[in-house]
Amino acid sequence: VVESGGGLMQPGGSLRLSCVASESTFS
């Protein structure tokens, strides 16, 4: 897996992180 989407945020904000898996059997 490869995670992404993080960063520097201020309190009260919203963030969406992603995790991509290359395997075709992910499901």
PDB file of all heavy atoms in Angstrom:
ATOM      1  N   VAL A   1       0.819  -1.198   0.000  1.00  0.00           N
ATOM      2  CA  VAL A   1       0.000   0.000   0.000  1.00  0.00           C
ATOM      3  C   VAL A   1       0.856   1.253   0.000  1.00  0.00           C
ATOM      4  O   VAL A   1       2.006   1.243   0.441  1.00  0.00           O
ATOM      5  CB  VAL A   1      -0.940   0.046   1.229  1.00  0.00           C
ATOM      6  CG1 VAL A   1      -1.955  -1.089   1.172  1.00  0.00           C
ATOM      7  CG2 VAL A   1      -0.132  -0.032   2.520  1.00  0.00           C
ATOM      8  N   VAL A   2       0.270   2.346  -0.505  1.00  0.00           N
ATOM      9  CA  VAL A   2       0.906   3.652  -0.494  1.00  0.00           C
ATOM     10  C   VAL A   2      -0.096   4.660   0.030  1.00  0.00           C
ATOM     11  O   VAL A   2      -1.158   4.851  -0.570  1.00  0.00           O
ATOM     12  CB  VAL A   2       1.385   4.071  -1.893  1.00  0.00           C
ATOM     13  CG1 VAL A   2       1.994   5.474  -1.842  1.00  0.00           C
ATOM     14  CG2 VAL A   2       2.405   3.084  -2.438  1.00  0.00           C
ATOM     15  N   GLU A   3       0.234   5.300   1.152  1.00  0.00           N
ATOM     16  CA  GLU A   3      -0.641   6.297   1.761  1.00  0.00           C
ATOM     17  C   GLU A   3      -0.271   7.696   1.279  1.00  0.00           C
ATOM     18  O   GLU A   3       0.896   7.984   1.020  1.00  0.00           O
ATOM     19  CB  GLU A   3      -0.531   6.251   3.289  1.00  0.00           C
ATOM     20  CG  GLU A   3      -0.905   4.908   3.916  1.00  0.00           C
ATOM     21  CD  GLU A   3       0.287   3.996   4.140  1.00  0.00           C
ATOM     22  OE1 GLU A   3       1.356   4.231   3.518  1.00  0.00           O
ATOM     23  OE2 GLU A   3       0.164   3.040   4.931  1.00  0.00           O
ATOM     24  N   SER A   4      -1.268   8.573   1.199  1.00  0.00           N
ATOM     25  CA  SER A   4      -1.027   9.948   0.791  1.00  0.00           C
ATOM     26  C   SER A   4      -2.144  10.843   1.314  1.00  0.00           C
ATOM     27  O   SER A   4      -3.152  10.364   1.815  1.00  0.00           O
ATOM     28  CB  SER A   4      -0.934  10.067  -0.733  1.00  0.00           C
ATOM     29  OG  SER A   4      -2.161   9.708  -1.344  1.00  0.00           O
ATOM     30  N   GLY A   5      -1.966  12.145   1.183  1.00  0.00           N
ATOM     31  CA  GLY A   5      -3.003  13.102   1.547  1.00  0.00           C
ATOM     32  C   GLY A   5      -2.756  13.873   2.824  1.00  0.00           C
ATOM     33  O   GLY A   5      -3.518  14.796   3.138  1.00  0.00           O
ATOM     34  N   GLY A   6      -1.726  13.527   3.569  1.00  0.00           N
ATOM     35  CA  GLY A   6      -1.436  14.233   4.803  1.00  0.00           C
ATOM     36  C   GLY A   6      -0.818  15.597   4.537  1.00  0.00           C
ATOM     37  O   GLY A   6      -0.498  15.952   3.414  1.00  0.00           O
ATOM     38  N   GLY A   7      -0.656  16.361   5.607  1.00  0.00           N
ATOM     39  CA  GLY A   7      -0.070  17.679   5.484  1.00  0.00           C
ATOM     40  C   GLY A   7      -0.232  18.474   6.756  1.00  0.00           C
ATOM     41  O   GLY A   7      -0.679  17.953   7.780  1.00  0.00           O
ATOM     42  N   LEU A   8       0.140  19.750   6.680  1.00  0.00           N
ATOM     43  CA  LEU A   8       0.014  20.657   7.812  1.00  0.00           C
ATOM     44  C   LEU A   8      -1.366  21.298   7.780  1.00  0.00           C
ATOM     45  O   LEU A   8      -1.732  21.940   6.790  1.00  0.00           O
ATOM     46  CB  LEU A   8       1.100  21.729   7.759  1.00  0.00           C
ATOM     47  CG  LEU A   8       1.080  22.798   8.852  1.00  0.00           C
ATOM     48  CD1 LEU A   8       1.266  22.153  10.218  1.00  0.00           C
ATOM     49  CD2 LEU A   8       2.170  23.824   8.582  1.00  0.00           C
ATOM     50  N   MET A   9      -2.122  21.130   8.859  1.00  0.00           N
ATOM     51  CA  MET A   9      -3.485  21.625   8.924  1.00  0.00           C
ATOM     52  C   MET A   9      -3.706  22.455  10.184  1.00  0.00           C
ATOM     53  O   MET A   9      -3.023  22.272  11.190  1.00  0.00           O
ATOM     54  CB  MET A   9      -4.478  20.467   8.921  1.00  0.00           C
ATOM     55  CG  MET A   9      -4.392  19.560   7.704  1.00  0.00           C
ATOM     56  SD  MET A   9      -4.966  20.390   6.203  1.00  0.00           S
ATOM     57  CE  MET A   9      -6.704  20.591   6.586  1.00  0.00           C
ATOM     58  N   GLN A  10      -4.694  23.340  10.121  1.00  0.00           N
ATOM     59  CA  GLN A  10      -5.102  24.106  11.297  1.00  0.00           C
ATOM     60  C   GLN A  10      -6.241  23.397  12.015  1.00  0.00           C
ATOM     61  O   GLN A  10      -7.019  22.673  11.390  1.00  0.00           O
ATOM     62  CB  GLN A  10      -5.548  25.510  10.890  1.00  0.00           C
ATOM     63  CG  GLN A  10      -4.430  26.386  10.363  1.00  0.00           C
ATOM     64  CD  GLN A  10      -4.879  27.809  10.126  1.00  0.00           C
ATOM     65  OE1 GLN A  10      -6.045  28.062   9.857  1.00  0.00           O
ATOM     66  NE2 GLN A  10      -3.945  28.737  10.227  1.00  0.00           N
ATOM     67  N   PRO A  11      -6.343  23.575  13.327  1.00  0.00           N
ATOM     68  CA  PRO A  11      -7.465  22.968  14.055  1.00  0.00           C
ATOM     69  C   PRO A  11      -8.797  23.379  13.446  1.00  0.00           C
ATOM     70  O   PRO A  11      -8.968  24.523  13.023  1.00  0.00           O
ATOM     71  CB  PRO A  11      -7.303  23.520  15.463  1.00  0.00           C
ATOM     72  CG  PRO A  11      -5.838  23.797  15.582  1.00  0.00           C
ATOM     73  CD  PRO A  11      -5.430  24.297  14.224  1.00  0.00           C
ATOM     74  N   GLY A  12      -9.737  22.439  13.393  1.00  0.00           N
ATOM     75  CA  GLY A  12     -11.049  22.699  12.831  1.00  0.00           C
ATOM     76  C   GLY A  12     -11.183  22.354  11.364  1.00  0.00           C
ATOM     77  O   GLY A  12     -12.304  22.292  10.847  1.00  0.00           O
ATOM     78  N   GLY A  13     -10.087  22.117  10.693  1.00  0.00           N
ATOM     79  CA  GLY A  13     -10.119  21.773   9.286  1.00  0.00           C
ATOM     80  C   GLY A  13     -10.468  20.318   9.053  1.00  0.00           C
ATOM     81  O   GLY A  13     -10.634  19.542   9.989  1.00  0.00           O
ATOM     82  N   SER A  14     -10.591  19.951   7.781  1.00  0.00           N
ATOM     83  CA  SER A  14     -10.898  18.575   7.393  1.00  0.00           C
ATOM     84  C   SER A  14      -9.861  18.084   6.398  1.00  0.00           C
ATOM     85  O   SER A  14      -9.285  18.866   5.646  1.00  0.00           O
ATOM     86  CB  SER A  14     -12.295  18.478   6.775  1.00  0.00           C
ATOM     87  OG  SER A  14     -13.294  18.824   7.709  1.00  0.00           O
ATOM     88  N   LEU A  15      -9.655  16.782   6.391  1.00  0.00           N
ATOM     89  CA  LEU A  15      -8.641  16.181   5.544  1.00  0.00           C
ATOM     90  C   LEU A  15      -9.116  14.815   5.069  1.00  0.00           C
ATOM     91  O   LEU A  15      -9.806  14.106   5.807  1.00  0.00           O
ATOM     92  CB  LEU A  15      -7.345  16.033   6.339  1.00  0.00           C
ATOM     93  CG  LEU A  15      -6.029  15.788   5.611  1.00  0.00           C
ATOM     94  CD1 LEU A  15      -5.712  16.946   4.674  1.00  0.00           C
ATOM     95  CD2 LEU A  15      -4.914  15.624   6.637  1.00  0.00           C
ATOM     96  N   ARG A  16      -8.767  14.460   3.842  1.00  0.00           N
ATOM     97  CA  ARG A  16      -9.081  13.141   3.324  1.00  0.00           C
ATOM     98  C   ARG A  16      -7.798  12.443   2.908  1.00  0.00           C
ATOM     99  O   ARG A  16      -7.090  12.897   2.012  1.00  0.00           O
ATOM    100  CB  ARG A  16     -10.030  13.211   2.132  1.00  0.00           C
ATOM    101  CG  ARG A  16     -10.565  11.842   1.716  1.00  0.00           C
ATOM    102  CD  ARG A  16     -11.564  11.941   0.582  1.00  0.00           C
ATOM    103  NE  ARG A  16     -12.633  10.977   0.748  1.00  0.00           N
ATOM    104  CZ  ARG A  16     -13.522  10.665  -0.187  1.00  0.00           C
ATOM    105  NH1 ARG A  16     -13.488  11.273  -1.360  1.00  0.00           N
ATOM    106  NH2 ARG A  16     -14.467   9.774   0.065  1.00  0.00           N
ATOM    107  N   LEU A  17      -7.506  11.339   3.571  1.00  0.00           N
ATOM    108  CA  LEU A  17      -6.333  10.549   3.278  1.00  0.00           C
ATOM    109  C   LEU A  17      -6.678   9.432   2.307  1.00  0.00           C
ATOM    110  O   LEU A  17      -7.800   8.933   2.302  1.00  0.00           O
ATOM    111  CB  LEU A  17      -5.757   9.942   4.561  1.00  0.00           C
ATOM    112  CG  LEU A  17      -5.494  10.915   5.716  1.00  0.00           C
ATOM    113  CD1 LEU A  17      -4.917  10.164   6.902  1.00  0.00           C
ATOM    114  CD2 LEU A  17      -4.570  12.035   5.275  1.00  0.00           C
ATOM    115  N   SER A  18      -5.705   9.029   1.500  1.00  0.00           N
ATOM    116  CA  SER A  18      -5.902   7.956   0.536  1.00  0.00           C
ATOM    117  C   SER A  18      -4.879   6.855   0.746  1.00  0.00           C
ATOM    118  O   SER A  18      -3.767   7.105   1.207  1.00  0.00           O
ATOM    119  CB  SER A  18      -5.785   8.476  -0.898  1.00  0.00           C
ATOM    120  OG  SER A  18      -6.786   9.426  -1.182  1.00  0.00           O
ATOM    121  N   CYS A  19      -5.260   5.651   0.395  1.00  0.00           N
ATOM    122  CA  CYS A  19      -4.393   4.482   0.482  1.00  0.00           C
ATOM    123  C   CYS A  19      -4.624   3.665  -0.772  1.00  0.00           C
ATOM    124  O   CYS A  19      -5.725   3.150  -0.982  1.00  0.00           O
ATOM    125  CB  CYS A  19      -4.730   3.685   1.745  1.00  0.00           C
ATOM    126  SG  CYS A  19      -4.074   2.012   1.804  1.00  0.00           S
ATOM    127  N   VAL A  20      -3.602   3.553  -1.610  1.00  0.00           N
ATOM    128  CA  VAL A  20      -3.725   2.830  -2.868  1.00  0.00           C
ATOM    129  C   VAL A  20      -2.985   1.498  -2.787  1.00  0.00           C
ATOM    130  O   VAL A  20      -1.821   1.456  -2.400  1.00  0.00           O
ATOM    131  CB  VAL A  20      -3.170   3.658  -4.047  1.00  0.00           C
ATOM    132  CG1 VAL A  20      -3.278   2.863  -5.342  1.00  0.00           C
ATOM    133  CG2 VAL A  20      -3.930   4.971  -4.166  1.00  0.00           C
ATOM    134  N   ALA A  21      -3.672   0.440  -3.157  1.00  0.00           N
ATOM    135  CA  ALA A  21      -3.086  -0.891  -3.200  1.00  0.00           C
ATOM    136  C   ALA A  21      -2.988  -1.341  -4.648  1.00  0.00           C
ATOM    137  O   ALA A  21      -3.960  -1.232  -5.398  1.00  0.00           O
ATOM    138  CB  ALA A  21      -3.921  -1.881  -2.394  1.00  0.00           C
ATOM    139  N   SER A  22      -1.839  -1.847  -5.045  1.00  0.00           N
ATOM    140  CA  SER A  22      -1.647  -2.242  -6.432  1.00  0.00           C
ATOM    141  C   SER A  22      -2.214  -3.625  -6.747  1.00  0.00           C
ATOM    142  O   SER A  22      -2.441  -3.942  -7.903  1.00  0.00           O
ATOM    143  CB  SER A  22      -0.160  -2.218  -6.789  1.00  0.00           C
ATOM    144  OG  SER A  22       0.582  -3.106  -5.967  1.00  0.00           O
ATOM    145  N   GLU A  23      -2.457  -4.413  -5.725  1.00  0.00           N
ATOM    146  CA  GLU A  23      -2.937  -5.771  -5.916  1.00  0.00           C
ATOM    147  C   GLU A  23      -4.349  -5.795  -6.496  1.00  0.00           C
ATOM    148  O   GLU A  23      -5.237  -5.082  -6.034  1.00  0.00           O
ATOM    149  CB  GLU A  23      -2.921  -6.550  -4.598  1.00  0.00           C
ATOM    150  CG  GLU A  23      -1.533  -6.844  -4.051  1.00  0.00           C
ATOM    151  CD  GLU A  23      -0.931  -5.675  -3.309  1.00  0.00           C
ATOM    152  OE1 GLU A  23      -1.633  -4.661  -3.101  1.00  0.00           O
ATOM    153  OE2 GLU A  23       0.253  -5.764  -2.938  1.00  0.00           O
ATOM    154  N   SER A  24      -4.551  -6.675  -7.477  1.00  0.00           N
ATOM    155  CA  SER A  24      -5.859  -6.786  -8.108  1.00  0.00           C
ATOM    156  C   SER A  24      -6.892  -7.442  -7.200  1.00  0.00           C
ATOM    157  O   SER A  24      -8.087  -7.369  -7.469  1.00  0.00           O
ATOM    158  CB  SER A  24      -5.744  -7.566  -9.421  1.00  0.00           C
ATOM    159  OG  SER A  24      -5.265  -8.883  -9.195  1.00  0.00           O
ATOM    160  N   THR A  25      -6.437  -8.079  -6.119  1.00  0.00           N
ATOM    161  CA  THR A  25      -7.326  -8.730  -5.168  1.00  0.00           C
ATOM    162  C   THR A  25      -7.728  -7.820  -4.013  1.00  0.00           C
ATOM    163  O   THR A  25      -8.233  -8.290  -2.999  1.00  0.00           O
ATOM    164  CB  THR A  25      -6.678 -10.004  -4.600  1.00  0.00           C
ATOM    165  OG1 THR A  25      -5.408  -9.685  -4.022  1.00  0.00           O
ATOM    166  CG2 THR A  25      -6.480 -11.044  -5.690  1.00  0.00           C
ATOM    167  N   PHE A  26      -7.526  -6.524  -4.154  1.00  0.00           N
ATOM    168  CA  PHE A  26      -7.865  -5.549  -3.118  1.00  0.00           C
ATOM    169  C   PHE A  26      -9.286  -5.741  -2.606  1.00  0.00           C
ATOM    170  O   PHE A  26      -9.541  -5.655  -1.400  1.00  0.00           O
ATOM    171  CB  PHE A  26      -7.688  -4.135  -3.677  1.00  0.00           C
ATOM    172  CG  PHE A  26      -8.159  -3.036  -2.757  1.00  0.00           C
ATOM    173  CD1 PHE A  26      -7.389  -2.643  -1.681  1.00  0.00           C
ATOM    174  CD2 PHE A  26      -9.373  -2.402  -2.991  1.00  0.00           C
ATOM    175  CE1 PHE A  26      -7.809  -1.624  -0.842  1.00  0.00           C
ATOM    176  CE2 PHE A  26      -9.804  -1.381  -2.164  1.00  0.00           C
ATOM    177  CZ  PHE A  26      -9.025  -0.991  -1.084  1.00  0.00           C
ATOM    178  N   SER A  27     -10.211  -6.019  -3.504  1.00  0.00           N
ATOM    179  CA  SER A  27     -11.612  -6.147  -3.132  1.00  0.00           C
ATOM    180  C   SER A  27     -11.906  -7.380  -2.282  1.00  0.00           C
ATOM    181  O   SER A  27     -13.015  -7.509  -1.759  1.00  0.00           O
ATOM    182  CB  SER A  27     -12.499  -6.161  -4.381  1.00  0.00           C
ATOM    183  OG  SER A  27     -12.183  -7.268  -5.212  1.00  0.00           O
TER     184      SER A  27
END
